[in-house]
């Protein structure tokens, strides 16, 4: 999709539209267990995904670039494409898809989402890769299937854990020791699991 006239920075260009689905409906419609799908899914919020393959407009044809001249903005329940810089006529309109990262991704998944935008700023993938994994993903894109490093613990989480330990120690010191009885787990109790698929993330 190309500009036909000069576009100023901040100008709103086109609304991204499509059939509104729940995340569960989108997962059923494009189940990766039946093979990869070329989709036009865009996450609107925690409850809704837009499928531009049905009821979409020309906004679905705007390509990805790691050096974009546009961005997506969500406002009042609508997704809009806006210019983030001045754009000359006959220039291609592009924005960064920033597909959501899934911790289950392996080298083959990363290579499937390889980027070929040709920009000097190209990061090699349309995925939004966590900072700690960027060196690893770079190796994967080069064909070196190195081991994925362990996900680091956030400093804030470490501090919270230390505070919790300190509080527990203080409380234990003040109260007399009690006999501990382990309770049997409740019948039917399960840990919830949620499937995550790569979609265009929120702006």
Protein backbone atom coordinates (compact mmCIF):
# COMPACT_ATOMS: atom_id res chain seq x y z
CA UNK A 1 0.00 0.00 0.00
CA UNK A 2 1.52 3.33 -1.09
CA UNK A 3 0.88 7.00 -0.40
CA UNK A 4 -0.79 8.83 -3.30
CA UNK A 5 -0.22 12.31 -1.86
CA UNK A 6 1.94 13.95 0.84
CA UNK A 7 1.07 12.78 4.35
CA UNK A 8 1.90 14.81 7.42
CA UNK A 9 3.17 13.39 10.72
CA UNK A 10 0.31 12.44 13.03
CA UNK A 11 -2.24 12.13 10.24
CA UNK A 12 -4.77 9.35 10.73
CA UNK A 13 -4.86 7.25 7.57
CA UNK A 14 -7.19 4.27 7.77
CA UNK A 15 -9.11 2.20 10.30
CA UNK A 16 -8.27 -1.49 10.68
CA UNK A 17 -11.56 -3.39 10.55
CA UNK A 18 -12.68 -7.00 10.47
CA UNK A 19 -14.95 -9.57 12.06
CA UNK A 20 -14.84 -9.41 15.86
CA UNK A 21 -13.93 -12.73 17.49
CA UNK A 22 -13.05 -13.91 20.95
CA UNK A 23 -9.50 -15.21 21.42
CA UNK A 24 -10.92 -18.73 21.72
CA UNK A 25 -12.85 -18.40 18.44
CA UNK A 26 -9.72 -17.14 16.67
CA UNK A 27 -7.71 -20.09 18.01
CA UNK A 28 -10.31 -22.55 16.75
CA UNK A 29 -10.55 -20.88 13.33
CA UNK A 30 -6.77 -20.85 12.81
CA UNK A 31 -5.57 -23.93 14.69
CA UNK A 32 -1.83 -24.36 14.02
CA UNK A 33 -2.12 -28.09 14.64
CA UNK A 34 -3.67 -28.29 11.17
CA UNK A 35 -0.80 -26.37 9.60
CA UNK A 36 0.35 -22.74 9.48
CA UNK A 37 -2.16 -20.11 8.46
CA UNK A 38 -1.80 -16.76 6.72
CA UNK A 39 -3.99 -14.60 8.93
CA UNK A 40 -5.03 -10.97 9.32
CA UNK A 41 -5.70 -11.20 13.06
CA UNK A 42 -5.24 -8.10 15.21
CA UNK A 43 -5.70 -8.05 18.98
CA UNK A 44 -8.08 -5.27 19.98
CA UNK A 45 -8.20 -6.01 23.72
CA UNK A 46 -8.14 -8.86 26.22
CA UNK A 47 -11.50 -10.12 24.94
CA UNK A 48 -11.57 -9.31 21.24
CA UNK A 49 -9.56 -10.12 18.10
CA UNK A 50 -10.37 -8.65 14.68
CA UNK A 51 -10.16 -10.98 11.68
CA UNK A 52 -9.67 -8.74 8.62
CA UNK A 53 -9.89 -11.78 6.35
CA UNK A 54 -13.64 -11.38 6.84
CA UNK A 55 -15.06 -7.89 6.55
CA UNK A 56 -11.64 -6.27 6.30
CA UNK A 57 -10.49 -3.31 4.20
CA UNK A 58 -7.23 -2.19 2.56
CA UNK A 59 -5.60 -1.70 5.98
CA UNK A 60 -4.90 -5.44 6.07
CA UNK A 61 -2.52 -5.07 3.13
CA UNK A 62 -0.13 -2.66 4.89
CA UNK A 63 3.19 -4.49 5.24
CA UNK A 64 5.54 -4.83 8.19
CA UNK A 65 8.84 -2.98 8.54
CA UNK A 66 11.37 -2.76 11.36
CA UNK A 67 11.79 0.91 10.36
CA UNK A 68 8.14 2.01 10.09
CA UNK A 69 6.62 5.28 8.95
CA UNK A 70 3.26 4.45 10.56
CA UNK A 71 1.96 2.97 13.79
CA UNK A 72 -1.31 1.49 15.04
CA UNK A 73 -3.35 3.29 17.68
CA UNK A 74 -6.28 1.90 19.65
CA UNK A 75 -8.86 4.51 20.62
CA UNK A 76 -12.46 4.09 21.76
CA UNK A 77 -12.48 0.43 20.76
CA UNK A 78 -11.14 1.10 17.26
CA UNK A 79 -7.76 0.41 15.63
CA UNK A 80 -6.32 3.18 13.45
CA UNK A 81 -3.17 3.48 11.36
CA UNK A 82 -1.39 6.83 11.83
CA UNK A 83 1.73 8.37 10.26
CA UNK A 84 4.64 8.81 12.69
CA UNK A 85 6.63 10.91 10.22
CA UNK A 86 6.07 12.92 7.06
CA UNK A 87 5.55 10.62 4.08
CA UNK A 88 6.18 11.56 0.45
CA UNK A 89 3.95 10.39 -2.42
CA UNK A 90 4.71 6.92 -3.83
CA UNK A 91 6.28 5.84 -0.51
CA UNK A 92 5.12 2.49 0.86
CA UNK A 93 3.12 2.68 4.09
CA UNK A 94 4.52 0.29 6.71
CA UNK A 95 4.30 -0.32 10.44
CA UNK A 96 5.91 -2.71 12.93
CA UNK A 97 3.65 -5.74 13.42
CA UNK A 98 5.33 -6.68 16.74
CA UNK A 99 3.78 -10.15 16.89
CA UNK A 100 3.40 -11.40 20.46
CA UNK A 101 6.21 -13.61 21.76
CA UNK A 102 5.36 -17.08 23.04
CA UNK A 103 7.83 -18.70 25.47
CA UNK A 104 7.19 -22.02 23.73
CA UNK A 105 8.73 -20.78 20.46
CA UNK A 106 11.71 -22.76 19.16
CA UNK A 107 14.22 -21.98 16.35
CA UNK A 108 11.84 -23.22 13.63
CA UNK A 109 9.06 -20.93 14.89
CA UNK A 110 11.40 -17.93 14.90
CA UNK A 111 12.61 -18.66 11.39
CA UNK A 112 8.98 -19.00 10.24
CA UNK A 113 8.41 -15.39 11.40
CA UNK A 114 11.61 -14.09 9.80
CA UNK A 115 11.53 -10.49 8.53
CA UNK A 116 12.77 -9.50 5.08
CA UNK A 117 11.87 -5.80 5.13
CA UNK A 118 15.35 -4.89 3.87
CA UNK A 119 15.75 -1.97 6.28
CA UNK A 120 19.21 -1.27 7.79
CA UNK A 121 17.38 -1.42 11.13
CA UNK A 122 15.89 -4.86 10.44
CA UNK A 123 15.94 -7.06 13.55
CA UNK A 124 15.42 -10.21 11.49
CA UNK A 125 11.96 -11.13 12.78
CA UNK A 126 8.47 -9.67 12.98
CA UNK A 127 8.20 -11.04 16.52
CA UNK A 128 8.51 -8.80 19.58
CA UNK A 129 11.48 -10.63 21.12
CA UNK A 130 12.24 -10.20 24.85
CA UNK A 131 15.54 -8.39 25.47
CA UNK A 132 17.22 -11.37 27.17
CA UNK A 133 16.49 -13.58 24.14
CA UNK A 134 17.65 -11.24 21.35
CA UNK A 135 21.22 -12.67 21.12
CA UNK A 136 19.77 -16.20 21.06
CA UNK A 137 17.18 -15.35 18.40
CA UNK A 138 19.90 -13.78 16.29
CA UNK A 139 21.77 -17.10 16.40
CA UNK A 140 18.60 -19.02 15.52
CA UNK A 141 17.98 -16.79 12.50
CA UNK A 142 21.52 -17.59 11.33
CA UNK A 143 20.76 -21.31 11.54
CA UNK A 144 22.55 -21.96 14.84
CA UNK A 145 20.12 -23.77 17.13
CA UNK A 146 21.77 -22.75 20.40
CA UNK A 147 20.08 -23.53 23.71
CA UNK A 148 17.54 -21.03 24.98
CA UNK A 149 18.72 -19.28 28.18
CA UNK A 150 16.67 -19.38 31.35
CA UNK A 151 14.20 -16.55 31.75
CA UNK A 152 15.64 -14.02 34.25
CA UNK A 153 13.75 -13.12 37.41
CA UNK A 154 12.72 -9.49 37.58
CA UNK A 155 14.41 -7.40 40.28
CA UNK A 156 11.06 -6.32 41.69
CA UNK A 157 10.06 -9.98 42.07
CA UNK A 158 13.34 -10.72 43.87
CA UNK A 159 12.79 -7.84 46.28
CA UNK A 160 9.23 -8.97 46.97
CA UNK A 161 10.47 -12.50 47.65
CA UNK A 162 13.12 -11.22 50.09
CA UNK A 163 10.57 -9.09 51.91
CA UNK A 164 8.19 -12.03 52.15
CA UNK A 165 10.96 -14.21 53.61
CA UNK A 166 11.87 -11.54 56.17
CA UNK A 167 8.24 -11.13 57.24
CA UNK A 168 7.82 -14.90 57.56
CA UNK A 169 10.95 -15.17 59.72
CA UNK A 170 9.80 -12.36 62.00
CA UNK A 171 6.32 -13.85 62.41
CA UNK A 172 7.72 -17.31 63.08
CA UNK A 173 10.04 -15.93 65.75
CA UNK A 174 7.18 -14.24 67.59
CA UNK A 175 4.67 -17.11 67.48
CA UNK A 176 5.12 -20.49 69.22
CA UNK A 177 5.74 -23.49 67.03
CA UNK A 178 2.68 -25.36 65.80
CA UNK A 179 2.25 -28.82 64.39
CA UNK A 180 1.98 -28.67 60.60
CA UNK A 181 -0.52 -30.95 58.91
CA UNK A 182 -0.41 -31.21 55.11
CA UNK A 183 -3.81 -31.07 53.50
CA UNK A 184 -4.66 -33.40 50.64
CA UNK A 185 -5.31 -31.64 47.31
CA UNK A 186 -8.94 -31.10 46.38
CA UNK A 187 -10.43 -33.53 43.89
CA UNK A 188 -10.67 -32.16 40.38
CA UNK A 189 -8.29 -29.27 41.04
CA UNK A 190 -6.28 -28.44 37.93
CA UNK A 191 -3.80 -25.80 36.87
CA UNK A 192 -5.25 -23.61 34.12
CA UNK A 193 -3.41 -23.50 30.79
CA UNK A 194 -3.99 -20.91 28.11
CA UNK A 195 -3.01 -21.29 24.49
CA UNK A 196 -1.18 -18.34 22.95
CA UNK A 197 -0.94 -17.74 19.22
CA UNK A 198 1.06 -15.12 17.36
CA UNK A 199 -1.07 -12.14 16.55
CA UNK A 200 -0.46 -8.50 15.90
CA UNK A 201 -0.18 -6.97 19.33
CA UNK A 202 -1.74 -3.87 20.71
CA UNK A 203 -0.06 -0.56 20.02
